[in-house]
Amino acid sequence: MKVWVKYLIGVALGVLAALILPGNAAMSNGVAFLTELFIRIGRYVVVPLIFTTAIVSVSRLRSSKLLWKTAGLTGIIVVVSAFILTLVGLLSILIVKLPRIPITVEATTEAFNLDIKGMILSLFPYSGFDSVKDGSFLLVCLVMAFIVGWESASEETAFKPILTLSDSLSDLFYNVANFFTEIMAVLGIAIVCYWTIDFRAVIATGIFTPMIIMFIIDFVIVAGIIYPLILYFVCHDPHPYKVLYASVAPLVLSFFSGDANLVVPLANRHLRDSLGIRRRCRGFTYPLLSIFARGGSALVSTISFILIWRSYSSLSIPGTDILWIFGLSFGLSFLLGGSPSGGAFVLLTIICTKYARGFETSVLLLKPASMIICSFAALFDTLTGMVGTYIVAVKTKMVEHHSITHFI
């Protein structure tokens, strides 16, 4: 049975469970606990897999003199994808005027801020061994893996045992991760159940339904038109939708969990077994895209903030403010790597705070729909990671094309 079929069956069972189970507080708390537990289980092998695979990737990329070309292409995709997605979000909310959200009076919410200095310092902990302890900000372990991989390629004969060990551990953790991706199709039932319970509460009033429809339409435009056109012209691929097909299972998991790190093992598996991308590319490019290519968070935050603005005022938004919103959403999206889940709502909160003018607590209008907002952000970001990694692999000739019938 195809992996994506297993995950869709899990989704169906999760939705069914949410409809059947009693909607009391005890049941909701129990499902919430299971969701948190299963997400932790799914993320258990992420850091070991990324760390060992990145060592091998960096070493082999440097030996083949493709490291900087791969890094450059990855950086271009990070910037271009964020620009495109932010622009899509901005144009959609400017063209279509969504109904206002009723103003409510609630207690102030927790203030968020991006500790940029702290993020930079965390890249170099007091002990190098601490770099593999942080399961949220994956860039910490990637920096250490880059250093080890770089040095192992400088003296290949002397450090061959290190590379051999990393190679073996990478294969080991890949197989372990495959096991975890299989059981996540089952554990995901609880995750989907919890998501469905929250979703039913959100759409019950109908207040947020137009916003959700806009997110869906934007995703269809991006996944069905924009990204396939990019693949067609950039990669000269006559079958660009195969990347979307290979991404079905990762998209399902990322949407219902809203967690960018949780989906890494599953995405890595599909990049290898479905799209045929070699380890030296997917082990380096995809983790970087999952950390920095957060244009989906910028898209949903842009739409959400302008919706909040229009809910408070009937006046048109000044052009300078529109440019400010676009620039802040676009710029701050690169700094969300430390928030693998909930990053979109963090970004929205920061935009409201920085805009001031009485909007500091206006984010509370969308707080009931925060899980849905973050789900769509993760959906866009995961698709960007899959498409971006495929583009880099094609342009660096690190892909062995598989027939679509052999996709897992």
Protein backbone atom coordinates (compact mmCIF):
# COMPACT_ATOMS: atom_id res chain seq x y z
CA MET A 1 0.00 0.00 0.00
CA LYS A 2 1.28 3.46 -0.91
CA VAL A 3 2.44 5.59 2.03
CA TRP A 4 0.15 8.47 1.13
CA VAL A 5 -2.83 6.10 1.13
CA LYS A 6 -1.97 5.01 4.69
CA TYR A 7 -1.86 8.63 5.80
CA LEU A 8 -5.18 9.45 4.12
CA ILE A 9 -6.76 6.46 5.83
CA GLY A 10 -5.38 7.80 9.11
CA VAL A 11 -6.95 11.18 8.34
CA ALA A 12 -10.32 9.58 7.65
CA LEU A 13 -10.18 7.60 10.90
CA GLY A 14 -9.11 10.69 12.84
CA VAL A 15 -12.00 12.76 11.49
CA LEU A 16 -14.41 9.90 12.20
CA ALA A 17 -13.12 9.59 15.76
CA ALA A 18 -13.65 13.32 16.33
CA LEU A 19 -17.25 12.98 15.17
CA ILE A 20 -17.99 9.92 17.27
CA LEU A 21 -16.17 10.63 20.53
CA PRO A 22 -18.01 12.70 23.17
CA GLY A 23 -17.02 16.35 23.16
CA ASN A 24 -16.44 16.75 26.89
CA ALA A 25 -13.40 18.34 28.53
CA ALA A 26 -11.92 15.06 29.74
CA MET A 27 -11.95 13.59 26.25
CA SER A 28 -10.45 16.74 24.72
CA ASN A 29 -7.68 16.78 27.30
CA GLY A 30 -6.95 13.13 26.66
CA VAL A 31 -6.71 13.62 22.89
CA ALA A 32 -4.53 16.70 23.42
CA PHE A 33 -2.15 14.68 25.59
CA LEU A 34 -1.93 11.89 23.02
CA THR A 35 -1.29 14.43 20.27
CA GLU A 36 1.61 15.97 22.17
CA LEU A 37 3.00 12.52 22.99
CA PHE A 38 2.81 11.27 19.40
CA ILE A 39 4.40 14.43 18.00
CA ARG A 40 7.30 13.95 20.42
CA ILE A 41 7.60 10.34 19.26
CA GLY A 42 7.65 11.45 15.63
CA ARG A 43 10.37 14.03 16.30
CA TYR A 44 12.48 11.56 18.31
CA VAL A 45 14.79 10.61 15.45
CA VAL A 46 14.87 13.95 13.59
CA VAL A 47 18.09 15.37 15.06
CA PRO A 48 20.16 12.14 14.78
CA LEU A 49 19.00 11.69 11.18
CA ILE A 50 19.75 15.27 10.14
CA PHE A 51 23.09 15.44 11.97
CA THR A 52 24.60 12.26 10.53
CA THR A 53 23.16 12.77 7.06
CA ALA A 54 24.37 16.38 6.89
CA ILE A 55 27.93 15.31 7.75
CA VAL A 56 27.98 12.91 4.79
CA SER A 57 26.24 15.44 2.53
CA VAL A 58 28.63 18.31 3.25
CA SER A 59 31.69 16.09 2.96
CA ARG A 60 30.66 14.67 -0.41
CA LEU A 61 29.46 18.00 -1.75
CA ARG A 62 32.81 19.55 -0.91
CA SER A 63 34.73 16.64 -2.43
CA SER A 64 32.71 16.94 -5.64
CA LYS A 65 33.07 20.76 -5.63
CA LEU A 66 29.30 21.22 -5.55
CA LEU A 67 28.93 22.58 -2.02
CA TRP A 68 28.80 26.28 -2.81
CA LYS A 69 26.68 25.82 -5.92
CA THR A 70 24.19 23.79 -3.89
CA ALA A 71 24.23 26.34 -1.06
CA GLY A 72 23.79 29.20 -3.51
CA LEU A 73 20.83 27.60 -5.25
CA THR A 74 19.27 26.81 -1.87
CA GLY A 75 19.67 30.43 -0.79
CA ILE A 76 18.07 31.69 -3.99
CA ILE A 77 15.10 29.37 -3.50
CA VAL A 78 14.70 30.55 0.11
CA VAL A 79 14.48 34.19 -0.95
CA VAL A 80 12.45 33.73 -4.15
CA SER A 81 9.90 31.37 -2.58
CA ALA A 82 9.34 33.73 0.35
CA PHE A 83 8.88 36.65 -2.04
CA ILE A 84 6.42 34.75 -4.24
CA LEU A 85 4.32 33.45 -1.36
CA THR A 86 4.22 36.78 0.46
CA LEU A 87 3.17 38.47 -2.79
CA VAL A 88 0.45 35.86 -3.39
CA GLY A 89 -0.93 36.45 0.09
CA LEU A 90 -0.82 40.22 -0.28
CA LEU A 91 -2.49 40.29 -3.70
CA SER A 92 -5.22 37.85 -2.69
CA ILE A 93 -6.26 39.84 0.39
CA LEU A 94 -6.08 43.16 -1.50
CA ILE A 95 -8.15 41.87 -4.41
CA VAL A 96 -10.76 40.05 -2.31
CA LYS A 97 -12.19 41.95 0.64
CA LEU A 98 -13.08 39.40 3.29
CA PRO A 99 -15.93 40.04 5.76
CA ARG A 100 -14.93 41.76 8.97
CA ILE A 101 -14.31 39.83 12.13
CA PRO A 102 -16.46 41.03 15.06
CA ILE A 103 -14.39 42.97 17.60
CA THR A 104 -14.19 41.24 20.97
CA VAL A 105 -12.69 42.38 24.25
CA GLU A 106 -10.29 39.86 25.75
CA ALA A 107 -7.36 39.87 28.10
CA THR A 108 -4.05 40.74 26.53
CA THR A 109 -2.11 37.87 25.01
CA GLU A 110 1.50 36.91 25.58
CA ALA A 111 3.93 39.19 23.77
CA PHE A 112 6.21 37.45 21.28
CA ASN A 113 9.53 38.65 20.02
CA LEU A 114 12.30 37.13 17.97
CA ASP A 115 15.45 36.90 20.07
CA ILE A 116 17.87 37.25 17.16
CA LYS A 117 20.91 37.63 19.41
CA GLY A 118 19.90 34.54 21.36
CA MET A 119 19.39 32.56 18.13
CA ILE A 120 22.88 33.50 16.92
CA LEU A 121 24.46 32.61 20.24
CA SER A 122 22.61 29.28 20.32
CA LEU A 123 24.39 28.25 17.12
CA PHE A 124 27.58 27.98 19.15
CA PRO A 125 26.77 26.48 22.57
CA TYR A 126 29.43 26.23 25.26
CA SER A 127 29.93 22.59 24.35
CA GLY A 128 29.88 21.22 20.82
CA PHE A 129 28.04 18.16 22.13
CA ASP A 130 25.12 20.40 23.09
CA SER A 131 24.56 21.09 19.39
CA VAL A 132 22.71 17.79 19.02
CA LYS A 133 20.43 18.44 22.00
CA ASP A 134 18.13 21.11 20.58
CA GLY A 135 15.22 19.45 18.83
CA SER A 136 13.54 22.71 17.80
CA PHE A 137 16.16 24.91 16.17
CA LEU A 138 17.71 22.41 13.74
CA LEU A 139 20.27 24.91 12.48
CA VAL A 140 22.26 24.34 15.68
CA CYS A 141 23.04 20.72 14.81
CA LEU A 142 23.44 21.58 11.12
CA VAL A 143 26.26 24.01 11.96
CA MET A 144 28.13 21.31 13.85
CA ALA A 145 27.47 18.80 11.07
CA PHE A 146 28.76 21.30 8.50
CA ILE A 147 32.00 21.75 10.43
CA VAL A 148 32.56 17.99 10.79
CA GLY A 149 31.64 17.32 7.15
CA TRP A 150 33.85 20.13 5.88
CA GLU A 151 36.89 18.92 7.81
CA SER A 152 36.33 15.27 6.92
CA ALA A 153 36.64 16.25 3.25
CA SER A 154 39.87 18.18 3.81
CA GLU A 155 41.87 15.06 4.68
CA GLU A 156 39.86 12.21 3.19
CA THR A 157 42.41 9.52 4.01
CA ALA A 158 42.94 10.57 7.63
CA PHE A 159 39.26 11.10 8.38
CA LYS A 160 37.85 8.25 6.32
CA PRO A 161 36.79 6.32 9.48
CA ILE A 162 34.73 9.34 10.59
CA LEU A 163 32.99 9.57 7.24
CA THR A 164 32.42 5.80 7.18
CA LEU A 165 30.90 5.91 10.67
CA SER A 166 28.67 8.86 9.75
CA ASP A 167 27.64 7.07 6.55
CA SER A 168 26.64 3.95 8.49
CA LEU A 169 24.82 5.94 11.16
CA SER A 170 23.00 7.91 8.48
CA ASP A 171 21.76 4.69 6.89
CA LEU A 172 20.82 3.35 10.32
CA PHE A 173 18.82 6.41 11.32
CA TYR A 174 17.22 6.51 7.88
CA ASN A 175 15.87 2.99 8.44
CA VAL A 176 14.78 3.89 11.97
CA ALA A 177 13.08 7.00 10.60
CA ASN A 178 11.26 4.88 8.02
CA PHE A 179 9.82 2.81 10.85
CA PHE A 180 8.68 5.97 12.62
CA THR A 181 7.06 7.30 9.43
CA GLU A 182 5.09 4.06 9.13
CA ILE A 183 3.75 4.19 12.68
CA MET A 184 2.98 7.91 12.33
CA ALA A 185 0.26 6.95 9.86
CA VAL A 186 -1.43 5.26 12.84
CA LEU A 187 -0.41 7.71 15.56
CA GLY A 188 -1.60 10.50 13.31
CA ILE A 189 -5.19 9.42 13.96
CA ALA A 190 -5.03 11.14 17.35
CA ILE A 191 -3.38 14.23 15.81
CA VAL A 192 -6.11 14.51 13.17
CA CYS A 193 -8.79 13.91 15.80
CA TYR A 194 -7.45 16.77 17.94
CA TRP A 195 -7.18 19.03 14.88
CA THR A 196 -10.74 18.21 13.79
CA ILE A 197 -12.14 19.00 17.23
CA ASP A 198 -10.50 22.43 17.10
CA PHE A 199 -11.54 22.95 13.47
CA ARG A 200 -15.19 22.25 14.23
CA ALA A 201 -15.14 24.87 16.96
CA VAL A 202 -13.52 27.40 14.63
CA ILE A 203 -15.97 27.02 11.74
CA ALA A 204 -19.04 26.68 13.97
CA THR A 205 -19.58 30.44 14.02
CA GLY A 206 -18.70 30.92 10.36
CA ILE A 207 -16.54 33.96 11.22
CA PHE A 208 -13.28 32.47 9.96
CA THR A 209 -14.69 30.47 7.04
CA PRO A 210 -13.94 33.11 4.34
CA MET A 211 -10.32 33.35 5.52
CA ILE A 212 -9.94 29.56 5.41
CA ILE A 213 -11.41 29.48 1.89
CA MET A 214 -8.86 32.10 0.82
CA PHE A 215 -6.03 29.97 2.23
CA ILE A 216 -7.32 26.97 0.28
CA ILE A 217 -7.60 28.92 -2.98
CA ASP A 218 -4.10 30.33 -2.54
CA PHE A 219 -2.72 26.85 -1.96
CA VAL A 220 -4.43 25.58 -5.11
CA ILE A 221 -2.92 28.47 -7.08
CA VAL A 222 0.58 27.89 -5.67
CA ALA A 223 0.56 24.09 -5.81
CA GLY A 224 -1.44 23.74 -9.01
CA ILE A 225 -0.15 26.63 -11.12
CA ILE A 226 2.83 28.63 -9.82
CA TYR A 227 5.13 25.85 -8.63
CA PRO A 228 4.41 23.52 -11.60
CA LEU A 229 5.20 26.38 -13.99
CA ILE A 230 8.46 27.03 -12.18
CA LEU A 231 9.36 23.34 -12.38
CA TYR A 232 8.45 23.23 -16.04
CA PHE A 233 10.56 26.22 -17.08
CA VAL A 234 13.44 25.94 -14.59
CA CYS A 235 13.88 22.17 -14.62
CA HIS A 236 12.44 21.59 -18.11
CA ASP A 237 10.36 18.87 -16.51
CA PRO A 238 7.44 17.73 -18.72
CA HIS A 239 5.74 16.17 -15.67
CA PRO A 240 5.98 18.79 -12.90
CA TYR A 241 2.99 17.46 -10.98
CA LYS A 242 4.94 14.36 -9.98
CA VAL A 243 6.62 16.45 -7.28
CA LEU A 244 3.19 17.33 -5.89
CA TYR A 245 2.20 13.67 -6.00
CA ALA A 246 5.38 12.68 -4.14
CA SER A 247 4.57 15.32 -1.52
CA VAL A 248 1.07 14.13 -0.60
CA ALA A 249 2.02 12.27 2.59
CA PRO A 250 4.40 15.00 3.89
CA LEU A 251 1.75 17.63 3.12
CA VAL A 252 -0.90 15.68 5.05
CA LEU A 253 1.34 15.24 8.09
CA SER A 254 2.54 18.85 8.12
CA PHE A 255 -0.98 20.24 7.72
CA PHE A 256 -2.53 18.39 10.63
CA SER A 257 0.48 18.66 12.94
CA GLY A 258 1.57 22.17 11.96
CA ASP A 259 5.13 21.07 12.78
CA ALA A 260 7.97 21.67 10.31
CA ASN A 261 10.39 19.35 12.13
CA LEU A 262 8.00 16.43 12.50
CA VAL A 263 7.69 16.05 8.73
CA VAL A 264 11.46 15.96 8.04
CA PRO A 265 11.88 12.13 8.16
CA LEU A 266 8.82 11.54 5.98
CA ALA A 267 9.87 14.20 3.47
CA ASN A 268 13.39 12.76 3.39
CA ARG A 269 11.98 9.33 2.61
CA HIS A 270 9.87 10.59 -0.29
CA LEU A 271 12.69 12.72 -1.66
CA ARG A 272 14.82 9.59 -1.89
CA ASP A 273 12.43 6.76 -2.73
CA SER A 274 9.94 8.67 -4.87
CA LEU A 275 11.87 11.51 -6.49
CA GLY A 276 15.25 9.77 -6.52
CA ILE A 277 17.20 12.66 -5.00
CA ARG A 278 20.66 11.68 -3.80
CA ARG A 279 21.56 11.97 -0.13
CA ARG A 280 24.22 14.63 -0.61
CA CYS A 281 21.52 17.00 -1.86
CA ARG A 282 18.48 16.15 0.26
CA GLY A 283 20.58 15.86 3.44
CA PHE A 284 21.80 19.42 3.02
CA THR A 285 19.15 21.33 1.07
CA TYR A 286 15.87 20.16 2.62
CA PRO A 287 16.85 20.89 6.26
CA LEU A 288 17.96 24.38 5.26
CA LEU A 289 14.71 24.99 3.39
CA SER A 290 12.66 23.71 6.34
CA ILE A 291 14.44 26.23 8.57
CA PHE A 292 14.62 29.31 6.35
CA ALA A 293 12.03 28.92 3.57
CA ARG A 294 9.01 29.96 5.63
CA GLY A 295 7.17 31.92 2.97
CA GLY A 296 3.97 30.09 3.89
CA SER A 297 4.09 31.73 7.31
CA ALA A 298 4.57 35.11 5.61
CA LEU A 299 1.60 34.44 3.30
CA VAL A 300 -0.91 33.57 6.01
CA SER A 301 0.40 36.31 8.33
CA THR A 302 -0.01 38.96 5.63
CA ILE A 303 -3.57 37.88 4.93
CA SER A 304 -4.38 37.65 8.63
CA PHE A 305 -3.00 41.07 9.54
CA ILE A 306 -4.78 42.92 6.73
CA LEU A 307 -7.99 41.11 7.71
CA ILE A 308 -7.48 42.37 11.28
CA TRP A 309 -6.76 45.90 9.98
CA ARG A 310 -9.99 45.93 7.96
CA SER A 311 -11.93 44.60 10.93
CA TYR A 312 -10.91 47.67 12.94
CA SER A 313 -11.14 50.28 10.19
CA SER A 314 -13.28 50.93 7.12
CA LEU A 315 -10.61 53.15 5.60
CA SER A 316 -8.32 51.94 2.82
CA ILE A 317 -4.83 50.88 3.81
CA PRO A 318 -2.15 53.42 2.81
CA GLY A 319 0.30 52.25 0.16
CA THR A 320 3.26 52.81 2.48
CA ASP A 321 1.66 50.59 5.12
CA ILE A 322 1.08 47.87 2.54
CA LEU A 323 4.76 47.95 1.61
CA TRP A 324 5.67 47.90 5.32
CA ILE A 325 3.48 44.85 5.95
CA PHE A 326 4.95 43.07 2.93
CA GLY A 327 8.53 43.90 3.91
CA LEU A 328 8.13 42.86 7.55
CA SER A 329 6.35 39.60 6.73
CA PHE A 330 8.91 38.78 4.06
CA GLY A 331 11.94 39.72 6.17
CA LEU A 332 10.92 38.10 9.44
CA SER A 333 9.94 34.83 7.75
CA PHE A 334 13.65 33.95 7.51
CA LEU A 335 13.96 34.11 11.31
CA LEU A 336 11.28 31.57 12.23
CA GLY A 337 13.59 28.56 12.28
CA GLY A 338 13.45 28.42 16.06
CA SER A 339 9.65 28.03 15.91
CA PRO A 340 8.98 24.82 13.94
CA SER A 341 5.35 24.92 15.07
CA GLY A 342 3.29 28.04 15.63
CA GLY A 343 5.74 30.26 13.77
CA ALA A 344 3.03 31.87 11.65
CA PHE A 345 1.10 33.09 14.69
CA VAL A 346 4.32 34.32 16.29
CA LEU A 347 5.00 36.33 13.12
CA LEU A 348 1.45 37.71 13.11
CA THR A 349 1.78 38.76 16.75
CA ILE A 350 5.06 40.55 16.04
CA ILE A 351 3.54 42.40 13.06
CA CYS A 352 0.63 43.58 15.21
CA THR A 353 3.04 44.70 17.94
CA LYS A 354 5.41 46.51 15.59
CA TYR A 355 2.56 48.23 13.77
CA ALA A 356 1.31 49.66 17.08
CA ARG A 357 -1.47 52.30 16.65
CA GLY A 358 -3.67 50.29 18.97
CA PHE A 359 -3.07 47.00 17.13
CA GLU A 360 -0.78 45.53 19.80
CA THR A 361 -3.46 43.14 21.10
CA SER A 362 -5.56 42.92 17.94
CA VAL A 363 -4.08 39.50 17.21
CA LEU A 364 -6.61 38.18 19.74
CA LEU A 365 -9.25 38.40 17.01
CA LEU A 366 -7.61 35.45 15.25
CA LYS A 367 -6.40 33.56 18.29
CA PRO A 368 -9.29 31.02 18.10
CA ALA A 369 -8.12 30.13 14.58
CA SER A 370 -4.40 30.06 15.39
CA MET A 371 -4.10 26.29 14.86
CA ILE A 372 -5.73 26.52 11.43
CA ILE A 373 -3.53 29.45 10.44
CA CYS A 374 -0.39 27.53 11.42
CA SER A 375 -1.61 24.42 9.61
CA PHE A 376 -1.84 26.27 6.30
CA ALA A 377 1.54 27.90 6.89
CA ALA A 378 3.12 24.47 7.42
CA LEU A 379 1.36 23.21 4.28
CA PHE A 380 2.90 25.91 2.09
CA ASP A 381 6.33 25.57 3.73
CA THR A 382 6.48 21.80 3.32
CA LEU A 383 5.57 22.04 -0.36
CA THR A 384 8.25 24.71 -0.82
CA GLY A 385 10.82 22.41 0.79
CA MET A 386 9.93 19.50 -1.49
CA VAL A 387 9.83 21.57 -4.68
CA GLY A 388 12.95 23.53 -3.76
CA THR A 389 14.99 20.40 -3.00
CA TYR A 390 13.92 18.87 -6.31
CA ILE A 391 14.98 22.00 -8.21
CA VAL A 392 18.41 22.02 -6.56
CA ALA A 393 18.85 18.30 -7.26
CA VAL A 394 17.99 18.75 -10.94
CA LYS A 395 20.23 21.79 -11.44
CA THR A 396 23.18 20.02 -9.75
CA LYS A 397 22.44 16.69 -11.45
CA MET A 398 21.95 14.84 -8.18
CA VAL A 399 18.73 13.07 -9.04
CA GLU A 400 17.86 9.72 -10.57
CA HIS A 401 14.38 10.04 -12.01
CA HIS A 402 11.95 7.26 -11.06
CA SER A 403 8.80 6.20 -12.81
CA ILE A 404 5.73 7.50 -11.03
CA THR A 405 4.48 3.92 -10.68
CA HIS A 406 7.46 3.22 -8.40
CA PHE A 407 6.71 6.09 -6.02
CA ILE A 408 6.23 4.84 -2.46
